[in-house]
Every structure is written in structure tokens, then in C-alpha cells.
Amino acid sequence: MMSKLTEGMEQWKIELEQLLQQGIEFARQIPPTQLYAALGVLLFTTTLLLFFQLFKRSKSNTIVLTGLSGSGKTVIFYQLRDGSYHQGTVTSMEPNEGTFVLHTESSKKGKVKPVHLVDVPGHSRLRPKLEGFLHQAAGIVFVVDAVEFLPNCRAASEYLYDILTNSIVVKKKVPVLICCNKADKVTAHSKEFIRKQMEKEIDKLRASRSAISEADVTNDFTLGIPGEAFAFSQCHNKVTVAEASGLTGEISQIEQFIREHVKP
């Protein structure tokens, strides 16, 4: 039994050596320029395939919810997750996160990619936690209270300025959605009013921050075009404005933003 197996292995070895020799002889008959060209095409194709596979695997599904405390981030988080809501103010002290299929897509047939949603606390002392999620962010939803906007306009604009000038956000061109929450209320300001007021505040901040830029280690990039009034359209990344209502469940524009940047 062992002798037959040994003989079979030897025969297989001889045949393999013969095939290898034939391959070498065939390669020698090919002109060097054609051989090098074929090897170059093979190497290029292999590298391209590996690159696309790596890019496909590394595509993030993380969406970061942030904004001032009390703006309604956590309510929106639960609406996106399971369609529920919290009455009143829900204050988050730790990042609230989860990976799930959006509630409105839970009964959808076909391929649906789960979203990794992170609700980052809005309290000023807890904002440094945001930095830890920016590397993996496919998009940022910056929530603004459309009812109590004016008293908080400067604080919200300062926070948004810090996000828009963050080196990670700029280099990766992370898209930002300014979400004007509580838009269902009669006293809510329109998204156009909020956009214009925040652009004016950021324009003021840009001037004051640039005056102390040498001492500013938080912001690595400046915003806008020198000599022109600031507008979100001048940002390195795409910044859009939308309206929503966490309490009534009207969050379609947020879902649209998420699906635009987290594709199935």
C-alpha cells in the first residue's frame, strides 16, 4: 500500500516538473517586451482589485449625532432606532450608541445596511468625547433647537465652528447636516433663518479666532474665503440644513442624509 502511494507521488512529481519545464520554455519564446507588459497588466489589475476590496470593507456606517444639550439628539436617536420618543428633555451624560437597521426600514425587503448611530453628549465638559468618533464618522448630524435658537445661537455656532475646523472633519471631508429640530412648533425658526444667523456668527468667530490663531491649538483649519462673508458653501466638506421633529417622528430628512452616506 505504501509502495503504491510512493510510486504515485513520484509520478506526480515527474509530471509536475515536466509541466513546469514546458511553462519555462513557453515563457522564453515570448518576446521580453510582451512578457513585461503582461506581468505589468497582471500586477496592476491585482493591485486595483485589492484596493477596491479594501475600500469597500473600510467604508464606514457610523453617523454621529451631536449639538448643544437639550436640542433633542437623544429623542432623534430613539426615533431612528425604534420609532419611540421621550417626553421632555433627555440629558445624556455618556455617548449613547447602537448598530441597527433604521426603524422605517425594519420591514423593508432586500439588502439594508445597519447604521452605527452615536449620540454624543452636548454638555461642554463632555464634548471631547466627540473626537473619539470622528475618525469613523461617515456623516455628522448637528442638532439645533429651532424654538430656543436665538438664546443659544452663539454657543451652537461656536460648537459647530469647532467641528467644521477639526482636522479630521476637514481632511476626510465628513458631510454635516444641520438639523433644525422641533420644527413642528409654532414658535420654531425656519431653517433658512437659522442657517443665515449661524453663518453670521461663524463669520464673527472666524475674525476673532484668526486674531489669536497662533495660540489656538484646537482648530487646525480656517473657514471661508478671506475678504468674503462666510457661507457654509465655502466649507471643505458638504454642509446642508434640514428640518425635523423628534417628538412627532418627522425625521425623513435625517434618514435621507444617513442613506446618502451609509449605502446598503
C-alpha atoms as a PDB file:
ATOM      1  CA  MET A   1       0.000   0.000   0.000  1.00  0.00           C
ATOM      2  CA  MET A   2       2.764   2.410   0.986  1.00  0.00           C
ATOM      3  CA  SER A   3       4.864   1.454  -2.044  1.00  0.00           C
ATOM      4  CA  LYS A   4       1.982   2.247  -4.417  1.00  0.00           C
ATOM      5  CA  LEU A   5       1.449   5.599  -2.706  1.00  0.00           C
ATOM      6  CA  THR A   6       5.165   6.403  -3.010  1.00  0.00           C
ATOM      7  CA  GLU A   7       5.160   5.451  -6.692  1.00  0.00           C
ATOM      8  CA  GLY A   8       2.114   7.664  -7.281  1.00  0.00           C
ATOM      9  CA  MET A   9       3.807  10.618  -5.566  1.00  0.00           C
ATOM     10  CA  GLU A  10       6.942  10.141  -7.650  1.00  0.00           C
ATOM     11  CA  GLN A  11       4.912  10.004 -10.872  1.00  0.00           C
ATOM     12  CA  TRP A  12       3.044  13.157  -9.874  1.00  0.00           C
ATOM     13  CA  LYS A  13       6.359  14.902  -9.103  1.00  0.00           C
ATOM     14  CA  ILE A  14       7.772  13.951 -12.534  1.00  0.00           C
ATOM     15  CA  GLU A  15       4.650  15.242 -14.320  1.00  0.00           C
ATOM     16  CA  LEU A  16       4.769  18.497 -12.343  1.00  0.00           C
ATOM     17  CA  GLU A  17       8.423  19.025 -13.241  1.00  0.00           C
ATOM     18  CA  GLN A  18       7.608  18.404 -16.893  1.00  0.00           C
ATOM     19  CA  LEU A  19       4.766  20.952 -16.831  1.00  0.00           C
ATOM     20  CA  LEU A  20       6.997  23.480 -15.121  1.00  0.00           C
ATOM     21  CA  GLN A  21       9.711  22.950 -17.736  1.00  0.00           C
ATOM     22  CA  GLN A  22       7.183  23.377 -20.536  1.00  0.00           C
ATOM     23  CA  GLY A  23       5.978  26.608 -18.934  1.00  0.00           C
ATOM     24  CA  ILE A  24       9.536  27.963 -18.731  1.00  0.00           C
ATOM     25  CA  GLU A  25      10.185  27.049 -22.381  1.00  0.00           C
ATOM     26  CA  PHE A  26       6.958  28.754 -23.437  1.00  0.00           C
ATOM     27  CA  ALA A  27       7.865  31.912 -21.479  1.00  0.00           C
ATOM     28  CA  ARG A  28      11.280  32.007 -23.172  1.00  0.00           C
ATOM     29  CA  GLN A  29       9.601  32.075 -26.568  1.00  0.00           C
ATOM     30  CA  ILE A  30       7.657  35.206 -25.670  1.00  0.00           C
ATOM     31  CA  PRO A  31       9.453  38.482 -26.552  1.00  0.00           C
ATOM     32  CA  PRO A  32      10.639  40.235 -23.342  1.00  0.00           C
ATOM     33  CA  THR A  33       8.579  43.379 -24.046  1.00  0.00           C
ATOM     34  CA  GLN A  34       5.346  41.371 -24.301  1.00  0.00           C
ATOM     35  CA  LEU A  35       6.192  39.372 -21.193  1.00  0.00           C
ATOM     36  CA  TYR A  36       6.914  42.508 -19.158  1.00  0.00           C
ATOM     37  CA  ALA A  37       3.723  44.140 -20.438  1.00  0.00           C
ATOM     38  CA  ALA A  38       1.650  41.080 -19.466  1.00  0.00           C
ATOM     39  CA  LEU A  39       3.225  40.992 -15.992  1.00  0.00           C
ATOM     40  CA  GLY A  40       2.613  44.729 -15.624  1.00  0.00           C
ATOM     41  CA  VAL A  41      -1.072  44.379 -16.529  1.00  0.00           C
ATOM     42  CA  LEU A  42      -1.441  41.439 -14.127  1.00  0.00           C
ATOM     43  CA  LEU A  43       0.220  43.361 -11.291  1.00  0.00           C
ATOM     44  CA  PHE A  44      -1.862  46.493 -11.950  1.00  0.00           C
ATOM     45  CA  THR A  45      -5.130  44.520 -12.088  1.00  0.00           C
ATOM     46  CA  THR A  46      -4.330  42.649  -8.867  1.00  0.00           C
ATOM     47  CA  THR A  47      -3.424  45.889  -7.057  1.00  0.00           C
ATOM     48  CA  LEU A  48      -6.603  47.576  -8.289  1.00  0.00           C
ATOM     49  CA  LEU A  49      -8.796  44.680  -7.107  1.00  0.00           C
ATOM     50  CA  LEU A  50      -7.136  44.658  -3.687  1.00  0.00           C
ATOM     51  CA  PHE A  51      -7.609  48.439  -3.405  1.00  0.00           C
ATOM     52  CA  PHE A  52     -11.320  48.236  -4.230  1.00  0.00           C
ATOM     53  CA  GLN A  53     -11.835  45.382  -1.775  1.00  0.00           C
ATOM     54  CA  LEU A  54     -10.046  47.320   0.969  1.00  0.00           C
ATOM     55  CA  PHE A  55     -12.026  50.481   0.195  1.00  0.00           C
ATOM     56  CA  LYS A  56     -15.303  48.564   0.225  1.00  0.00           C
ATOM     57  CA  ARG A  57     -14.542  46.958   3.589  1.00  0.00           C
ATOM     58  CA  SER A  58     -13.381  50.212   5.190  1.00  0.00           C
ATOM     59  CA  LYS A  59     -16.478  52.215   4.194  1.00  0.00           C
ATOM     60  CA  SER A  60     -17.886  53.448   7.484  1.00  0.00           C
ATOM     61  CA  ASN A  61     -21.509  53.094   8.588  1.00  0.00           C
ATOM     62  CA  THR A  62     -21.161  55.457  11.578  1.00  0.00           C
ATOM     63  CA  ILE A  63     -23.357  58.550  11.893  1.00  0.00           C
ATOM     64  CA  VAL A  64     -22.657  60.936  14.776  1.00  0.00           C
ATOM     65  CA  LEU A  65     -25.461  62.914  16.428  1.00  0.00           C
ATOM     66  CA  THR A  66     -24.276  65.989  18.293  1.00  0.00           C
ATOM     67  CA  GLY A  67     -25.277  69.526  19.236  1.00  0.00           C
ATOM     68  CA  LEU A  68     -25.994  71.551  22.376  1.00  0.00           C
ATOM     69  CA  SER A  69     -27.507  69.858  25.406  1.00  0.00           C
ATOM     70  CA  GLY A  70     -31.316  69.877  25.232  1.00  0.00           C
ATOM     71  CA  SER A  71     -31.507  70.174  21.454  1.00  0.00           C
ATOM     72  CA  GLY A  72     -33.260  66.796  21.143  1.00  0.00           C
ATOM     73  CA  LYS A  73     -30.453  64.496  19.974  1.00  0.00           C
ATOM     74  CA  THR A  74     -31.451  61.563  22.148  1.00  0.00           C
ATOM     75  CA  VAL A  75     -35.113  61.784  21.091  1.00  0.00           C
ATOM     76  CA  ILE A  76     -33.996  61.601  17.458  1.00  0.00           C
ATOM     77  CA  PHE A  77     -31.716  58.665  18.305  1.00  0.00           C
ATOM     78  CA  TYR A  78     -34.664  56.621  19.633  1.00  0.00           C
ATOM     79  CA  GLN A  79     -36.907  57.656  16.745  1.00  0.00           C
ATOM     80  CA  LEU A  80     -34.318  56.385  14.283  1.00  0.00           C
ATOM     81  CA  ARG A  81     -33.792  53.185  16.264  1.00  0.00           C
ATOM     82  CA  ASP A  82     -37.307  52.043  17.098  1.00  0.00           C
ATOM     83  CA  GLY A  83     -39.777  54.854  16.455  1.00  0.00           C
ATOM     84  CA  SER A  84     -40.163  55.682  20.146  1.00  0.00           C
ATOM     85  CA  TYR A  85     -39.674  59.071  21.805  1.00  0.00           C
ATOM     86  CA  HIS A  86     -39.071  60.645  25.197  1.00  0.00           C
ATOM     87  CA  GLN A  87     -41.281  63.414  26.514  1.00  0.00           C
ATOM     88  CA  GLY A  88     -39.401  66.405  27.848  1.00  0.00           C
ATOM     89  CA  THR A  89     -35.637  66.833  27.973  1.00  0.00           C
ATOM     90  CA  VAL A  90     -33.431  63.766  27.959  1.00  0.00           C
ATOM     91  CA  THR A  91     -29.918  64.615  29.141  1.00  0.00           C
ATOM     92  CA  SER A  92     -27.163  62.257  28.031  1.00  0.00           C
ATOM     93  CA  MET A  93     -24.044  62.032  30.173  1.00  0.00           C
ATOM     94  CA  GLU A  94     -22.398  59.231  28.198  1.00  0.00           C
ATOM     95  CA  PRO A  95     -22.366  58.555  24.456  1.00  0.00           C
ATOM     96  CA  ASN A  96     -25.479  56.610  23.538  1.00  0.00           C
ATOM     97  CA  GLU A  97     -24.740  54.282  20.640  1.00  0.00           C
ATOM     98  CA  GLY A  98     -26.049  51.254  18.820  1.00  0.00           C
ATOM     99  CA  THR A  99     -25.906  49.434  15.495  1.00  0.00           C
ATOM    100  CA  PHE A 100     -29.291  48.733  13.948  1.00  0.00           C
ATOM    101  CA  VAL A 101     -31.472  48.911  10.854  1.00  0.00           C
ATOM    102  CA  LEU A 102     -33.385  52.193  10.785  1.00  0.00           C
ATOM    103  CA  HIS A 103     -36.910  51.803  12.190  1.00  0.00           C
ATOM    104  CA  THR A 104     -38.598  52.839   8.941  1.00  0.00           C
ATOM    105  CA  GLU A 105     -36.571  50.218   7.074  1.00  0.00           C
ATOM    106  CA  SER A 106     -37.125  47.340   9.524  1.00  0.00           C
ATOM    107  CA  SER A 107     -39.831  45.785   7.326  1.00  0.00           C
ATOM    108  CA  LYS A 108     -38.116  46.661   4.066  1.00  0.00           C
ATOM    109  CA  LYS A 109     -37.278  43.742   1.796  1.00  0.00           C
ATOM    110  CA  GLY A 110     -33.884  43.347   0.198  1.00  0.00           C
ATOM    111  CA  LYS A 111     -30.435  44.369   1.338  1.00  0.00           C
ATOM    112  CA  VAL A 112     -30.459  47.017   4.086  1.00  0.00           C
ATOM    113  CA  LYS A 113     -27.217  48.072   5.770  1.00  0.00           C
ATOM    114  CA  PRO A 114     -27.349  48.593   9.555  1.00  0.00           C
ATOM    115  CA  VAL A 115     -26.286  52.017  10.813  1.00  0.00           C
ATOM    116  CA  HIS A 116     -23.919  52.602  13.724  1.00  0.00           C
ATOM    117  CA  LEU A 117     -25.508  55.639  15.376  1.00  0.00           C
ATOM    118  CA  VAL A 118     -23.715  57.570  18.128  1.00  0.00           C
ATOM    119  CA  ASP A 119     -25.449  60.210  20.263  1.00  0.00           C
ATOM    120  CA  VAL A 120     -22.623  62.332  21.735  1.00  0.00           C
ATOM    121  CA  PRO A 121     -23.450  64.371  24.880  1.00  0.00           C
ATOM    122  CA  GLY A 122     -23.897  68.089  24.230  1.00  0.00           C
ATOM    123  CA  HIS A 123     -22.601  69.363  27.567  1.00  0.00           C
ATOM    124  CA  SER A 124     -19.444  71.433  27.066  1.00  0.00           C
ATOM    125  CA  ARG A 125     -17.418  69.311  29.507  1.00  0.00           C
ATOM    126  CA  LEU A 126     -18.344  66.120  27.652  1.00  0.00           C
ATOM    127  CA  ARG A 127     -17.686  67.318  24.109  1.00  0.00           C
ATOM    128  CA  PRO A 128     -14.118  65.961  23.969  1.00  0.00           C
ATOM    129  CA  LYS A 129     -15.779  62.541  23.651  1.00  0.00           C
ATOM    130  CA  LEU A 130     -16.775  63.584  20.127  1.00  0.00           C
ATOM    131  CA  GLU A 131     -13.148  63.412  18.952  1.00  0.00           C
ATOM    132  CA  GLY A 132     -13.074  59.665  19.528  1.00  0.00           C
ATOM    133  CA  PHE A 133     -15.860  59.085  16.980  1.00  0.00           C
ATOM    134  CA  LEU A 134     -14.826  61.472  14.207  1.00  0.00           C
ATOM    135  CA  HIS A 135     -12.267  59.088  12.686  1.00  0.00           C
ATOM    136  CA  GLN A 136     -15.024  56.595  11.850  1.00  0.00           C
ATOM    137  CA  ALA A 137     -17.792  59.085  11.013  1.00  0.00           C
ATOM    138  CA  ALA A 138     -19.475  58.770   7.614  1.00  0.00           C
ATOM    139  CA  GLY A 139     -21.559  61.819   8.496  1.00  0.00           C
ATOM    140  CA  ILE A 140     -22.411  64.217  11.329  1.00  0.00           C
ATOM    141  CA  VAL A 141     -25.921  65.374  12.273  1.00  0.00           C
ATOM    142  CA  PHE A 142     -25.629  68.629  14.226  1.00  0.00           C
ATOM    143  CA  VAL A 143     -28.940  69.131  16.061  1.00  0.00           C
ATOM    144  CA  VAL A 144     -30.204  72.656  16.794  1.00  0.00           C
ATOM    145  CA  ASP A 145     -33.252  73.580  18.881  1.00  0.00           C
ATOM    146  CA  ALA A 146     -35.315  75.635  16.410  1.00  0.00           C
ATOM    147  CA  VAL A 147     -37.530  77.037  19.201  1.00  0.00           C
ATOM    148  CA  GLU A 148     -34.813  78.180  21.617  1.00  0.00           C
ATOM    149  CA  PHE A 149     -32.396  79.033  18.821  1.00  0.00           C
ATOM    150  CA  LEU A 150     -31.720  82.741  19.395  1.00  0.00           C
ATOM    151  CA  PRO A 151     -30.563  82.483  23.041  1.00  0.00           C
ATOM    152  CA  ASN A 152     -28.282  79.610  22.032  1.00  0.00           C
ATOM    153  CA  CYS A 153     -27.180  80.854  18.629  1.00  0.00           C
ATOM    154  CA  ARG A 154     -23.651  81.871  19.625  1.00  0.00           C
ATOM    155  CA  ALA A 155     -22.982  78.741  21.700  1.00  0.00           C
ATOM    156  CA  ALA A 156     -24.268  76.465  18.921  1.00  0.00           C
ATOM    157  CA  SER A 157     -22.245  78.358  16.309  1.00  0.00           C
ATOM    158  CA  GLU A 158     -19.064  78.062  18.392  1.00  0.00           C
ATOM    159  CA  TYR A 159     -19.562  74.317  18.739  1.00  0.00           C
ATOM    160  CA  LEU A 160     -20.256  73.940  15.029  1.00  0.00           C
ATOM    161  CA  TYR A 161     -17.209  76.102  14.205  1.00  0.00           C
ATOM    162  CA  ASP A 162     -15.009  73.735  16.221  1.00  0.00           C
ATOM    163  CA  ILE A 163     -16.425  70.762  14.292  1.00  0.00           C
ATOM    164  CA  LEU A 164     -16.033  72.369  10.866  1.00  0.00           C
ATOM    165  CA  THR A 165     -12.407  73.335  11.562  1.00  0.00           C
ATOM    166  CA  ASN A 166     -11.492  69.974  13.091  1.00  0.00           C
ATOM    167  CA  SER A 167      -8.596  68.425  11.160  1.00  0.00           C
ATOM    168  CA  ILE A 168     -10.307  65.031  10.865  1.00  0.00           C
ATOM    169  CA  VAL A 169     -13.545  66.522   9.516  1.00  0.00           C
ATOM    170  CA  VAL A 170     -11.675  68.708   7.018  1.00  0.00           C
ATOM    171  CA  LYS A 171      -9.221  66.067   5.760  1.00  0.00           C
ATOM    172  CA  LYS A 172     -11.891  63.369   5.431  1.00  0.00           C
ATOM    173  CA  LYS A 173     -14.472  65.897   4.169  1.00  0.00           C
ATOM    174  CA  VAL A 174     -17.058  64.481   6.573  1.00  0.00           C
ATOM    175  CA  PRO A 175     -20.522  65.734   5.490  1.00  0.00           C
ATOM    176  CA  VAL A 176     -22.517  67.676   8.080  1.00  0.00           C
ATOM    177  CA  LEU A 177     -26.294  68.035   8.333  1.00  0.00           C
ATOM    178  CA  ILE A 178     -27.527  70.948  10.457  1.00  0.00           C
ATOM    179  CA  CYS A 179     -30.812  69.566  11.763  1.00  0.00           C
ATOM    180  CA  CYS A 180     -33.296  72.198  12.957  1.00  0.00           C
ATOM    181  CA  ASN A 181     -35.271  70.143  15.471  1.00  0.00           C
ATOM    182  CA  LYS A 182     -38.734  70.924  16.906  1.00  0.00           C
ATOM    183  CA  ALA A 183     -39.769  72.434  13.571  1.00  0.00           C
ATOM    184  CA  ASP A 184     -43.391  71.425  14.277  1.00  0.00           C
ATOM    185  CA  LYS A 185     -43.707  74.120  16.978  1.00  0.00           C
ATOM    186  CA  VAL A 186     -45.399  77.407  16.023  1.00  0.00           C
ATOM    187  CA  THR A 187     -42.566  79.427  17.560  1.00  0.00           C
ATOM    188  CA  ALA A 188     -39.839  77.485  15.723  1.00  0.00           C
ATOM    189  CA  HIS A 189     -37.485  79.437  13.476  1.00  0.00           C
ATOM    190  CA  SER A 190     -37.147  78.364   9.853  1.00  0.00           C
ATOM    191  CA  LYS A 191     -34.085  76.516   8.619  1.00  0.00           C
ATOM    192  CA  GLU A 192     -33.173  79.448   6.336  1.00  0.00           C
ATOM    193  CA  PHE A 193     -33.236  81.882   9.280  1.00  0.00           C
ATOM    194  CA  ILE A 194     -31.107  79.521  11.363  1.00  0.00           C
ATOM    195  CA  ARG A 195     -28.647  78.999   8.522  1.00  0.00           C
ATOM    196  CA  LYS A 196     -28.174  82.731   7.939  1.00  0.00           C
ATOM    197  CA  GLN A 197     -27.786  83.529  11.655  1.00  0.00           C
ATOM    198  CA  MET A 198     -25.223  80.764  12.161  1.00  0.00           C
ATOM    199  CA  GLU A 199     -23.268  81.909   9.109  1.00  0.00           C
ATOM    200  CA  LYS A 200     -23.144  85.440  10.583  1.00  0.00           C
ATOM    201  CA  GLU A 201     -21.986  84.141  13.982  1.00  0.00           C
ATOM    202  CA  ILE A 202     -19.332  81.922  12.424  1.00  0.00           C
ATOM    203  CA  ASP A 203     -18.153  84.892  10.353  1.00  0.00           C
ATOM    204  CA  LYS A 204     -17.607  86.831  13.607  1.00  0.00           C
ATOM    205  CA  LEU A 205     -15.891  83.834  15.193  1.00  0.00           C
ATOM    206  CA  ARG A 206     -13.655  83.448  12.168  1.00  0.00           C
ATOM    207  CA  ALA A 207     -12.394  87.008  12.604  1.00  0.00           C
ATOM    208  CA  SER A 208     -11.852  86.734  16.358  1.00  0.00           C
ATOM    209  CA  ARG A 209     -10.241  83.268  16.178  1.00  0.00           C
ATOM    210  CA  SER A 210      -7.862  84.264  13.375  1.00  0.00           C
ATOM    211  CA  ALA A 211      -6.595  87.123  15.546  1.00  0.00           C
ATOM    212  CA  ILE A 212      -5.346  84.580  18.094  1.00  0.00           C
ATOM    213  CA  SER A 213      -4.603  81.765  15.627  1.00  0.00           C
ATOM    214  CA  GLU A 214      -1.027  81.325  16.860  1.00  0.00           C
ATOM    215  CA  ALA A 215      -2.304  80.417  20.313  1.00  0.00           C
ATOM    216  CA  ASP A 216      -5.220  78.335  19.005  1.00  0.00           C
ATOM    217  CA  VAL A 217      -4.290  74.662  19.045  1.00  0.00           C
ATOM    218  CA  THR A 218      -7.848  73.328  18.803  1.00  0.00           C
ATOM    219  CA  ASN A 219      -8.612  74.484  15.270  1.00  0.00           C
ATOM    220  CA  ASP A 220      -6.199  73.339  12.582  1.00  0.00           C
ATOM    221  CA  PHE A 221      -8.018  74.903   9.640  1.00  0.00           C
ATOM    222  CA  THR A 222      -9.659  78.231   8.864  1.00  0.00           C
ATOM    223  CA  LEU A 223     -13.099  78.610   7.322  1.00  0.00           C
ATOM    224  CA  GLY A 224     -14.317  80.509   4.321  1.00  0.00           C
ATOM    225  CA  ILE A 225     -12.699  82.786   1.771  1.00  0.00           C
ATOM    226  CA  PRO A 226     -10.625  85.760   3.006  1.00  0.00           C
ATOM    227  CA  GLY A 227     -12.369  89.056   2.355  1.00  0.00           C
ATOM    228  CA  GLU A 228     -15.797  87.472   1.841  1.00  0.00           C
ATOM    229  CA  ALA A 229     -18.703  86.938   4.242  1.00  0.00           C
ATOM    230  CA  PHE A 230     -18.786  83.350   5.450  1.00  0.00           C
ATOM    231  CA  ALA A 231     -21.223  80.857   3.944  1.00  0.00           C
ATOM    232  CA  PHE A 232     -21.493  77.096   4.548  1.00  0.00           C
ATOM    233  CA  SER A 233     -20.996  76.561   0.814  1.00  0.00           C
ATOM    234  CA  GLN A 234     -17.365  77.641   1.318  1.00  0.00           C
ATOM    235  CA  CYS A 235     -16.564  74.739   3.651  1.00  0.00           C
ATOM    236  CA  HIS A 236     -14.160  71.966   2.646  1.00  0.00           C
ATOM    237  CA  ASN A 237     -16.903  69.439   3.351  1.00  0.00           C
ATOM    238  CA  LYS A 238     -20.576  69.437   2.344  1.00  0.00           C
ATOM    239  CA  VAL A 239     -22.851  71.223   4.839  1.00  0.00           C
ATOM    240  CA  THR A 240     -26.634  71.066   4.417  1.00  0.00           C
ATOM    241  CA  VAL A 241     -29.579  72.259   6.517  1.00  0.00           C
ATOM    242  CA  ALA A 242     -32.798  70.351   7.219  1.00  0.00           C
ATOM    243  CA  GLU A 243     -35.858  70.470   9.466  1.00  0.00           C
ATOM    244  CA  ALA A 244     -37.127  67.719  11.752  1.00  0.00           C
ATOM    245  CA  SER A 245     -39.331  66.992  14.737  1.00  0.00           C
ATOM    246  CA  GLY A 246     -38.170  64.266  17.062  1.00  0.00           C
ATOM    247  CA  LEU A 247     -41.367  64.225  19.111  1.00  0.00           C
ATOM    248  CA  THR A 248     -43.703  63.825  16.125  1.00  0.00           C
ATOM    249  CA  GLY A 249     -41.379  61.408  14.346  1.00  0.00           C
ATOM    250  CA  GLU A 250     -40.853  63.643  11.301  1.00  0.00           C
ATOM    251  CA  ILE A 251     -37.238  62.718  10.663  1.00  0.00           C
ATOM    252  CA  SER A 252     -37.337  61.812   6.966  1.00  0.00           C
ATOM    253  CA  GLN A 253     -34.664  64.358   6.014  1.00  0.00           C
ATOM    254  CA  ILE A 254     -32.285  62.878   8.598  1.00  0.00           C
ATOM    255  CA  GLU A 255     -32.933  59.389   7.247  1.00  0.00           C
ATOM    256  CA  GLN A 256     -32.294  60.646   3.725  1.00  0.00           C
ATOM    257  CA  PHE A 257     -28.946  62.111   4.860  1.00  0.00           C
ATOM    258  CA  ILE A 258     -27.998  58.830   6.546  1.00  0.00           C
ATOM    259  CA  ARG A 259     -28.831  56.736   3.470  1.00  0.00           C
ATOM    260  CA  GLU A 260     -26.930  59.139   1.257  1.00  0.00           C
ATOM    261  CA  HIS A 261     -23.746  58.420   3.190  1.00  0.00           C
ATOM    262  CA  VAL A 262     -24.351  54.896   4.501  1.00  0.00           C
ATOM    263  CA  LYS A 263     -25.327  52.940   1.432  1.00  0.00           C
ATOM    264  CA  PRO A 264     -26.607  49.320   1.512  1.00  0.00           C
END
